[in-house]
C-alpha cells in the first residue's frame, strides 16, 4: 500500500508540470481511492496533505480544488513574464536602498562592527532599547525601554510570545480570519487555535469570554489595527472593552502591530492592557523583508519567560541587524521611510478604489491590502485560478480561515509589491474578470 505522502508527491508533480492546473477539481475521495486502489481513509490523508502544502483547498459541499499550478499567460503577464504578485505585500520603494546604505555605512566602522560581532541577548543593548521604545511609541502610548526585547523578525517575535504563553496542547484564541503564518506557528508548537467571532469593529469580547468558559484559553492573538486580511481597525471603545475582558479572564494577549505603522491612531491594545499585552512589531514592512528586525514590548511580569523563549528558540536578533536597525532609527531614515510608505499605500488604495469601483471591496484608505467579497457565481478558488491564468496572483479567503470550510467567497488583494502601472493593469484585469462568467474563463 503506497504511503499517502508519496501519492501527494505524485499529485504535486502533476501540478508542477501543468497536468493539474489551478482551479481543477479533484474527484470525490471515494472515487479517487477506487482509481488508485487505496483505502478511502488514505485518500482523505492525501487530500489533507495537499491542503497542508497549500496546493489545494476544500470547499464544503463543492469539493477539493487545485490552488497552485503553472498558469496560462494572458494579456497582463506575457509569455515568460513572472506573475504580478497581489498575494504578498513587499512594500519596497524605488531608491530606498540609497538612504539605507548611507545610514548603514556607519556599521562598517571598526568600533560598531566589532560590537556587532558579539553575541546579542534578547534584550539587546541599552541604547537599542531606548531607540526602539521611542520609535515604537504612538499617540496615547509610549513603551518603557526596559520592556523592549528583540528578535530576528516579527514572525520570530510572535513565535516566542506564543511559545512562552501557551503550552503544547494549549488553546490560543485567534480571530476567525487570521494571519496564516500564525496558524503554521501554532501547528509547529502543538498549539490549538480557537476561532473567535468578529464584527465590523473586530474581535468580539463577549465571544472571547464564551470560548474561555467553554474550555479555558491560555492567550489570545489578534491584529487590532489594519487587520490582515480584513483591513478592520478596532475603535478605542472596543479596545477598552477587550482590555476589561482580558482582566476579568486573567488572559494575556499578543498584539500584532506589524501593519499599524501606517496609522497614528488609535492607541494600541497595549495602552489599555499594559500588564497583559505583548506588543509585536517589526521592520519587514517599514523597511524591507530582507532587512527586518523584530520587536516585542513585554510586560515586566512576562519578560523573563519571553526572553528565555527567544534565546532557547534561537530567535535573537543578529548584532549587525540590530545595529543597522538602530542606525536607521537614530538618524531618521526609518521614520522617513515610514512616512513615504504611508503616502505610497494611500496612492495605491486610491488606485484600487478607482479600478474596482462598484465591487464589494473592504479597505482602509491607508492599508496595503483590501478584502474583496466576490460576486456570484464566483467562488474564491475558481477566481484565484482564473486570475492565475491572467498572470495575477491573489489569495483566497481559505488561506486565512481557522476553521476549514468556513471561509467566505472572498479574496485578499495585496497592493504593495508591483510598480504602480503594473498594479493598475492587474486591478483592471481583475475587475473585468469579476464581471465575467467562471465557466467562460475556466472552460468548465
Protein backbone atom coordinates (compact mmCIF):
# COMPACT_ATOMS: atom_id res chain seq x y z
CA UNK A 1 0.00 0.00 0.00
CA UNK A 2 1.66 3.27 -1.06
CA UNK A 3 2.22 5.89 1.64
CA UNK A 4 -0.20 8.83 1.39
CA UNK A 5 2.74 11.24 1.18
CA UNK A 6 4.15 9.54 -1.90
CA UNK A 7 0.76 9.87 -3.61
CA UNK A 8 0.65 13.54 -2.60
CA UNK A 9 4.14 13.91 -4.10
CA UNK A 10 2.86 12.46 -7.39
CA UNK A 11 -0.02 14.93 -7.48
CA UNK A 12 2.34 17.77 -6.60
CA UNK A 13 4.48 16.77 -9.58
CA UNK A 14 1.41 16.82 -11.83
CA UNK A 15 0.66 20.32 -10.58
CA UNK A 16 4.23 21.43 -11.26
CA UNK A 17 4.20 20.02 -14.80
CA UNK A 18 0.82 21.56 -15.58
CA UNK A 19 -1.16 18.30 -15.87
CA UNK A 20 -3.23 19.59 -12.97
CA UNK A 21 -3.98 23.30 -13.22
CA UNK A 22 -5.16 25.92 -10.78
CA UNK A 23 -8.94 25.63 -10.49
CA UNK A 24 -9.12 21.95 -11.46
CA UNK A 25 -11.46 19.96 -9.25
CA UNK A 26 -10.17 16.69 -7.81
CA UNK A 27 -12.54 13.71 -7.88
CA UNK A 28 -14.50 12.81 -4.73
CA UNK A 29 -12.30 10.98 -2.26
CA UNK A 30 -14.06 7.62 -2.68
CA UNK A 31 -13.71 7.83 -6.44
CA UNK A 32 -10.04 8.81 -6.09
CA UNK A 33 -9.49 5.87 -3.74
CA UNK A 34 -11.10 3.43 -6.18
CA UNK A 35 -8.98 4.70 -9.07
CA UNK A 36 -5.76 4.38 -7.07
CA UNK A 37 -6.63 1.12 -5.34
CA UNK A 38 -6.22 2.64 -1.89
CA UNK A 39 -8.41 2.95 1.18
CA UNK A 40 -10.81 5.87 1.43
CA UNK A 41 -9.05 6.95 4.61
CA UNK A 42 -5.75 7.09 2.72
CA UNK A 43 -7.36 9.24 0.03
CA UNK A 44 -8.55 11.58 2.76
CA UNK A 45 -4.99 11.89 4.07
CA UNK A 46 -3.70 12.59 0.55
CA UNK A 47 -6.17 15.44 0.11
CA UNK A 48 -5.37 16.77 3.58
CA UNK A 49 -1.66 16.73 2.73
CA UNK A 50 -2.26 18.72 -0.46
CA UNK A 51 -4.21 21.28 1.56
CA UNK A 52 -1.42 21.41 4.16
CA UNK A 53 1.13 22.12 1.43
CA UNK A 54 -1.03 24.91 0.05
CA UNK A 55 -1.58 23.09 -3.26
CA UNK A 56 -5.31 22.52 -2.84
CA UNK A 57 -8.27 23.91 -0.93
CA UNK A 58 -11.50 22.22 0.07
CA UNK A 59 -14.92 23.85 -0.03
CA UNK A 60 -17.75 22.26 1.93
CA UNK A 61 -20.35 20.84 -0.43
CA UNK A 62 -18.29 21.64 -3.52
CA UNK A 63 -15.14 19.50 -3.37
CA UNK A 64 -11.38 19.97 -3.41
CA UNK A 65 -9.75 22.31 -5.92
CA UNK A 66 -6.17 22.80 -7.05
CA UNK A 67 -4.80 26.14 -5.81
CA UNK A 68 -1.34 26.18 -7.41
CA UNK A 69 -0.20 25.36 -10.88
CA UNK A 70 1.59 26.51 -13.98
CA UNK A 71 -0.66 29.34 -15.16
CA UNK A 72 -1.58 30.16 -18.70
CA UNK A 73 -0.42 33.67 -19.55
CA UNK A 74 -2.89 36.28 -20.63
CA UNK A 75 -2.91 39.93 -21.51
CA UNK A 76 -1.41 41.08 -18.20
CA UNK A 77 1.66 38.88 -17.94
CA UNK A 78 3.13 37.91 -21.26
CA UNK A 79 4.89 34.63 -22.11
CA UNK A 80 7.86 34.07 -19.84
CA UNK A 81 6.99 37.00 -17.58
CA UNK A 82 6.62 36.49 -13.83
CA UNK A 83 3.26 36.60 -12.11
CA UNK A 84 2.05 40.00 -10.96
CA UNK A 85 2.12 39.41 -7.23
CA UNK A 86 -1.03 40.63 -5.50
CA UNK A 87 -0.77 37.78 -2.98
CA UNK A 88 2.08 39.13 -0.83
CA UNK A 89 2.91 42.60 0.42
CA UNK A 90 6.53 43.63 -0.08
CA UNK A 91 6.45 47.45 0.18
CA UNK A 92 9.87 48.44 -1.13
CA UNK A 93 10.00 51.94 -2.58
CA UNK A 94 12.14 52.78 -5.63
CA UNK A 95 15.51 54.12 -4.49
CA UNK A 96 15.03 53.39 -0.80
CA UNK A 97 18.30 51.47 -0.76
CA UNK A 98 20.22 54.75 -1.15
CA UNK A 99 19.41 56.30 2.27
CA UNK A 100 19.59 52.86 3.87
CA UNK A 101 23.09 52.30 2.50
CA UNK A 102 24.24 55.72 3.68
CA UNK A 103 22.86 55.08 7.15
CA UNK A 104 24.24 51.54 7.38
CA UNK A 105 27.72 52.70 6.36
CA UNK A 106 28.31 53.67 9.99
CA UNK A 107 28.11 49.99 10.90
CA UNK A 108 31.20 49.30 8.78
CA UNK A 109 33.47 51.38 11.01
CA UNK A 110 35.73 49.32 13.29
CA UNK A 111 34.07 50.08 16.65
CA UNK A 112 30.41 49.39 15.74
CA UNK A 113 31.42 46.43 13.58
CA UNK A 114 33.42 44.96 16.44
CA UNK A 115 30.40 45.32 18.72
CA UNK A 116 28.15 43.70 16.10
CA UNK A 117 30.40 40.64 16.05
CA UNK A 118 29.50 39.81 19.65
CA UNK A 119 26.53 37.62 20.65
CA UNK A 120 23.27 39.52 21.19
CA UNK A 121 20.87 38.84 24.04
CA UNK A 122 17.10 39.13 23.72
CA UNK A 123 17.35 42.50 25.49
CA UNK A 124 19.92 43.89 23.06
CA UNK A 125 21.74 46.97 24.35
CA UNK A 126 20.51 49.84 26.48
CA UNK A 127 20.93 52.18 23.51
CA UNK A 128 18.93 49.89 21.22
CA UNK A 129 16.11 49.67 23.77
CA UNK A 130 15.97 53.46 24.16
CA UNK A 131 15.82 53.97 20.39
CA UNK A 132 13.26 51.23 19.82
CA UNK A 133 10.98 52.41 22.61
CA UNK A 134 10.92 55.94 21.23
CA UNK A 135 10.39 54.66 17.69
CA UNK A 136 7.53 52.30 18.57
CA UNK A 137 5.59 54.85 20.62
CA UNK A 138 2.48 56.41 19.14
CA UNK A 139 -0.50 58.53 20.12
CA UNK A 140 -1.66 57.54 23.58
CA UNK A 141 1.13 55.03 24.24
CA UNK A 142 4.84 55.12 24.99
CA UNK A 143 6.60 51.85 25.86
CA UNK A 144 9.30 51.71 28.51
CA UNK A 145 12.80 50.88 27.23
CA UNK A 146 13.29 48.05 29.79
CA UNK A 147 10.22 46.29 28.34
CA UNK A 148 11.65 46.01 24.79
CA UNK A 149 13.05 42.69 23.55
CA UNK A 150 14.49 41.96 20.10
CA UNK A 151 14.22 39.07 17.63
CA UNK A 152 15.35 38.46 14.08
CA UNK A 153 11.86 39.16 12.68
CA UNK A 154 8.27 39.85 13.64
CA UNK A 155 7.39 36.21 12.95
CA UNK A 156 10.02 35.11 15.44
CA UNK A 157 8.63 37.55 18.00
CA UNK A 158 5.15 36.08 17.52
CA UNK A 159 6.51 32.53 17.83
CA UNK A 160 8.42 33.40 21.01
CA UNK A 161 5.39 35.05 22.60
CA UNK A 162 3.15 32.13 21.67
CA UNK A 163 5.63 29.54 22.95
CA UNK A 164 6.04 31.46 26.22
CA UNK A 165 2.31 31.84 26.87
CA UNK A 166 0.73 28.65 25.50
CA UNK A 167 1.94 25.13 26.40
CA UNK A 168 1.85 22.28 23.85
CA UNK A 169 -1.76 21.19 23.57
CA UNK A 170 -2.95 24.54 24.90
CA UNK A 171 -5.60 26.79 23.35
CA UNK A 172 -4.84 30.09 21.63
CA UNK A 173 -7.76 32.37 20.75
CA UNK A 174 -7.48 33.97 17.31
CA UNK A 175 -9.82 35.94 15.07
CA UNK A 176 -11.93 33.77 12.72
CA UNK A 177 -9.83 35.01 9.80
CA UNK A 178 -6.20 35.47 10.77
CA UNK A 179 -2.61 35.76 9.57
CA UNK A 180 -1.81 32.31 8.08
CA UNK A 181 1.72 32.24 9.47
CA UNK A 182 0.25 32.25 12.98
CA UNK A 183 -1.64 29.05 12.19
CA UNK A 184 1.59 27.49 10.94
CA UNK A 185 3.48 28.53 14.07
CA UNK A 186 0.69 27.14 16.23
CA UNK A 187 0.82 23.81 14.40
CA UNK A 188 4.59 23.51 14.89
CA UNK A 189 4.29 24.35 18.60
CA UNK A 190 1.39 21.94 19.12
CA UNK A 191 -0.97 24.81 19.97
CA UNK A 192 -4.68 24.59 19.18
CA UNK A 193 -6.09 27.79 17.56
CA UNK A 194 -9.63 28.66 18.66
CA UNK A 195 -11.56 30.98 16.30
CA UNK A 196 -13.31 33.92 17.98
CA UNK A 197 -16.16 35.71 16.20
CA UNK A 198 -15.64 39.17 14.76
CA UNK A 199 -17.91 42.01 13.69
CA UNK A 200 -17.29 45.29 11.87
CA UNK A 201 -15.21 46.53 14.83
CA UNK A 202 -13.01 43.45 15.17
CA UNK A 203 -12.86 40.64 17.71
CA UNK A 204 -15.96 40.47 19.95
CA UNK A 205 -15.04 40.47 23.67
CA UNK A 206 -18.18 38.55 24.68
CA UNK A 207 -17.32 35.81 22.19
CA UNK A 208 -13.85 35.57 23.73
CA UNK A 209 -15.38 35.15 27.18
CA UNK A 210 -17.77 32.48 25.90
CA UNK A 211 -14.92 30.48 24.35
CA UNK A 212 -12.96 30.71 27.60
CA UNK A 213 -15.92 29.47 29.63
CA UNK A 214 -16.39 26.53 27.29
CA UNK A 215 -12.76 25.45 27.67
CA UNK A 216 -10.05 27.64 29.23
CA UNK A 217 -7.81 29.59 26.88
CA UNK A 218 -4.15 30.34 27.53
CA UNK A 219 -3.80 33.52 25.43
CA UNK A 220 -5.28 35.46 22.53
CA UNK A 221 -3.54 36.57 19.33
CA UNK A 222 -5.10 39.45 17.40
CA UNK A 223 -4.45 42.31 14.98
CA UNK A 224 -6.40 45.33 16.26
CA UNK A 225 -5.03 47.79 13.69
CA UNK A 226 -5.32 47.19 9.91
CA UNK A 227 -6.30 43.58 10.38
CA UNK A 228 -4.84 41.17 7.84
CA UNK A 229 -6.81 40.26 5.72
CA UNK A 230 -9.95 42.29 6.53
CA UNK A 231 -8.39 45.74 6.95
CA UNK A 232 -10.52 46.39 10.07
CA UNK A 233 -9.20 48.74 12.76
CA UNK A 234 -10.68 48.23 16.22
CA UNK A 235 -12.03 51.52 17.63
CA UNK A 236 -10.87 52.77 21.07
CA UNK A 237 -14.08 51.79 22.87
CA UNK A 238 -13.82 48.19 21.65
CA UNK A 239 -10.16 48.10 22.75
CA UNK A 240 -11.17 49.27 26.20
CA UNK A 241 -13.91 46.62 26.37
CA UNK A 242 -11.48 43.93 25.28
CA UNK A 243 -8.92 45.07 27.87
CA UNK A 244 -11.57 44.80 30.58
CA UNK A 245 -12.43 41.30 29.39
CA UNK A 246 -8.77 40.27 29.44
CA UNK A 247 -8.55 41.48 33.03
CA UNK A 248 -11.70 39.63 34.03
CA UNK A 249 -10.45 36.41 32.43
CA UNK A 250 -6.82 36.96 33.55
CA UNK A 251 -5.82 36.26 29.95
CA UNK A 252 -2.68 37.56 28.17
CA UNK A 253 -2.78 38.92 24.62
CA UNK A 254 -0.35 39.01 21.70
CA UNK A 255 -0.96 42.20 19.72
CA UNK A 256 0.40 42.02 16.16
CA UNK A 257 1.06 45.61 15.05
CA UNK A 258 3.26 44.98 12.01
CA UNK A 259 0.92 46.99 9.73
CA UNK A 260 -0.01 49.56 12.40
CA UNK A 261 2.81 51.92 11.37
CA UNK A 262 0.51 53.09 8.57
CA UNK A 263 -1.80 54.76 11.12
CA UNK A 264 -1.02 57.10 14.04
CA UNK A 265 -4.24 56.24 15.87
CA UNK A 266 -5.84 54.69 17.78
CA UNK A 267 -3.60 53.81 20.72
CA UNK A 268 -2.71 50.10 20.72
CA UNK A 269 -4.38 47.49 22.89
CA UNK A 270 -1.17 47.55 24.94
CA UNK A 271 -2.12 51.06 26.09
CA UNK A 272 -5.41 49.74 27.51
CA UNK A 273 -4.00 46.49 28.91
CA UNK A 274 -0.30 47.12 29.60
CA UNK A 275 0.11 44.32 32.15
CA UNK A 276 -1.31 41.60 29.90
CA UNK A 277 -0.40 42.56 26.33
CA UNK A 278 2.75 41.64 24.40
CA UNK A 279 3.07 44.19 21.60
CA UNK A 280 4.75 42.84 18.43
CA UNK A 281 6.22 44.93 15.62
CA UNK A 282 8.99 44.62 13.03
CA UNK A 283 10.78 46.40 10.21
CA UNK A 284 9.59 43.98 7.50
CA UNK A 285 7.01 46.42 6.12
CA UNK A 286 8.54 49.68 7.36
CA UNK A 287 11.94 48.89 5.80
CA UNK A 288 12.07 45.61 3.83
CA UNK A 289 11.54 41.86 4.43
CA UNK A 290 15.24 41.14 3.90
CA UNK A 291 16.35 43.85 6.34
CA UNK A 292 13.95 43.20 9.18
CA UNK A 293 14.29 43.14 12.95
CA UNK A 294 11.53 42.10 15.34
CA UNK A 295 10.38 43.95 18.46
CA UNK A 296 8.42 42.64 21.43
CA UNK A 297 7.26 45.05 24.12
CA UNK A 298 6.65 42.70 27.04
CA UNK A 299 5.08 43.43 30.45
CA UNK A 300 7.57 43.07 33.28
CA UNK A 301 5.72 40.06 34.67
CA UNK A 302 6.16 38.14 31.40
CA UNK A 303 9.58 39.42 30.32
CA UNK A 304 11.63 36.62 31.84
CA UNK A 305 9.77 33.78 30.21
CA UNK A 306 9.56 35.51 26.81
CA UNK A 307 13.28 36.37 26.86
CA UNK A 308 14.12 32.77 27.77
CA UNK A 309 11.94 31.52 24.91
CA UNK A 310 13.64 33.86 22.43
CA UNK A 311 17.04 32.50 23.44
CA UNK A 312 16.03 28.83 23.51
CA UNK A 313 14.32 29.16 20.13
CA UNK A 314 17.43 30.77 18.59
CA UNK A 315 15.26 33.78 17.73
CA UNK A 316 17.60 36.53 18.92
CA UNK A 317 18.44 39.33 16.50
CA UNK A 318 21.86 39.40 14.87
CA UNK A 319 24.32 42.01 16.07
CA UNK A 320 24.66 43.56 12.63
CA UNK A 321 20.91 43.55 12.03
CA UNK A 322 20.12 45.18 15.35
CA UNK A 323 22.96 47.68 14.93
CA UNK A 324 21.75 48.62 11.45
CA UNK A 325 18.17 48.99 12.70
CA UNK A 326 19.42 51.27 15.45
CA UNK A 327 21.26 53.41 12.87
CA UNK A 328 18.11 53.74 10.72
CA UNK A 329 16.07 54.76 13.74
CA UNK A 330 18.65 57.13 15.22
CA UNK A 331 19.25 59.20 12.09
CA UNK A 332 15.60 59.38 10.99
CA UNK A 333 15.90 57.06 7.97
CA UNK A 334 13.31 54.64 9.35
CA UNK A 335 10.83 57.44 10.09
CA UNK A 336 11.31 58.97 6.65
CA UNK A 337 10.57 55.61 5.03
CA UNK A 338 7.52 55.18 7.28
CA UNK A 339 6.09 58.49 6.07
CA UNK A 340 6.91 57.70 2.43
CA UNK A 341 5.19 54.32 2.68
CA UNK A 342 2.10 55.87 4.20
CA UNK A 343 1.85 58.11 1.14
CA UNK A 344 2.54 55.14 -1.15
CA UNK A 345 -0.15 53.00 0.50
CA UNK A 346 -2.68 55.84 0.21
CA UNK A 347 -1.93 56.25 -3.50
CA UNK A 348 -2.33 52.52 -4.09
CA UNK A 349 -5.65 52.45 -2.24
CA UNK A 350 -6.90 55.34 -4.38
CA UNK A 351 -5.92 53.37 -7.47
CA UNK A 352 -7.69 50.26 -6.17
CA UNK A 353 -10.83 52.23 -5.33
CA UNK A 354 -10.98 53.61 -8.88
CA UNK A 355 -10.19 50.31 -10.60
CA UNK A 356 -12.57 48.19 -8.51
CA UNK A 357 -15.38 50.70 -8.23
CA UNK A 358 -18.82 49.11 -7.91
CA UNK A 359 -17.46 45.86 -6.45
CA UNK A 360 -17.70 44.76 -2.81
CA UNK A 361 -14.34 45.97 -1.57
CA UNK A 362 -13.48 46.48 2.10
CA UNK A 363 -10.34 48.53 2.66
CA UNK A 364 -8.81 51.11 4.93
CA UNK A 365 -7.65 54.14 2.91
CA UNK A 366 -4.12 53.80 4.33
CA UNK A 367 -3.72 49.99 4.16
CA UNK A 368 -1.55 47.99 1.78
CA UNK A 369 -4.30 45.42 1.12
CA UNK A 370 -8.03 45.16 0.52
CA UNK A 371 -10.67 42.46 1.08
CA UNK A 372 -12.87 41.60 -1.88
CA UNK A 373 -16.20 39.80 -1.47
CA UNK A 374 -16.68 38.23 -4.88
CA UNK A 375 -19.89 38.49 -6.90
CA UNK A 376 -21.91 35.34 -7.61
CA UNK A 377 -21.36 32.87 -9.17
CA UNK A 378 -17.63 33.24 -8.49
CA UNK A 379 -16.04 31.17 -5.72
CA UNK A 380 -12.72 32.18 -4.21
CA UNK A 381 -10.67 29.27 -5.56
CA UNK A 382 -12.09 29.44 -9.07
CA UNK A 383 -11.44 33.20 -9.10
CA UNK A 384 -7.87 32.63 -7.93
CA UNK A 385 -7.43 30.06 -10.70
CA UNK A 386 -8.83 32.37 -13.36
CA UNK A 387 -6.64 35.22 -12.13
CA UNK A 388 -3.61 32.93 -12.33
CA UNK A 389 -4.37 32.31 -15.99
CA UNK A 390 -4.10 36.06 -16.48
CA UNK A 391 -0.74 36.03 -14.70
CA UNK A 392 -2.05 37.58 -11.48
CA UNK A 393 -1.69 36.04 -8.01
CA UNK A 394 -4.27 36.80 -5.30
CA UNK A 395 -5.05 34.95 -2.06
CA UNK A 396 -8.33 33.09 -1.37
CA UNK A 397 -10.13 33.56 1.93
CA UNK A 398 -9.50 29.90 2.79
CA UNK A 399 -5.83 30.73 3.43
CA UNK A 400 -6.89 32.86 6.43
CA UNK A 401 -9.72 30.71 7.79
CA UNK A 402 -9.11 28.97 11.11
CA UNK A 403 -11.97 26.52 10.57
CA UNK A 404 -11.80 24.56 7.28
CA UNK A 405 -14.86 25.04 5.12
CA UNK A 406 -15.88 28.26 6.89
CA UNK A 407 -14.17 30.71 4.53
CA UNK A 408 -16.33 33.28 2.74
CA UNK A 409 -16.28 33.71 -1.02
CA UNK A 410 -13.62 36.40 -0.96
CA UNK A 411 -10.01 37.13 -1.76
CA UNK A 412 -7.35 39.38 -0.29
CA UNK A 413 -5.64 41.68 -2.79
CA UNK A 414 -2.17 42.85 -1.72
CA UNK A 415 -1.26 46.19 -3.26
CA UNK A 416 2.33 46.80 -2.17
CA UNK A 417 4.57 44.79 -4.46
CA UNK A 418 4.05 45.70 -8.16
CA UNK A 419 5.04 49.04 -9.70
CA UNK A 420 2.01 51.33 -9.99
CA UNK A 421 1.49 50.82 -13.76
CA UNK A 422 1.53 47.02 -13.34
CA UNK A 423 -0.80 47.30 -10.35
CA UNK A 424 -3.25 49.44 -12.33
CA UNK A 425 -3.25 46.96 -15.22
CA UNK A 426 -3.73 43.98 -12.91
CA UNK A 427 -6.59 45.59 -10.99
CA UNK A 428 -8.39 46.50 -14.22
CA UNK A 429 -8.00 42.91 -15.42
CA UNK A 430 -9.37 41.56 -12.14
CA UNK A 431 -12.35 43.89 -12.31
CA UNK A 432 -13.12 42.68 -15.83
CA UNK A 433 -12.68 39.09 -14.70
CA UNK A 434 -15.13 39.50 -11.80
CA UNK A 435 -17.80 40.75 -14.19
CA UNK A 436 -17.39 37.74 -16.48
CA UNK A 437 -18.55 34.12 -16.15
CA UNK A 438 -16.42 31.48 -14.37
CA UNK A 439 -17.44 28.92 -16.99
CA UNK A 440 -16.27 31.21 -19.74
CA UNK A 441 -12.89 31.91 -18.10
CA UNK A 442 -12.12 28.39 -16.87
CA UNK A 443 -13.76 26.46 -19.66
CA UNK A 444 -15.65 24.20 -17.22
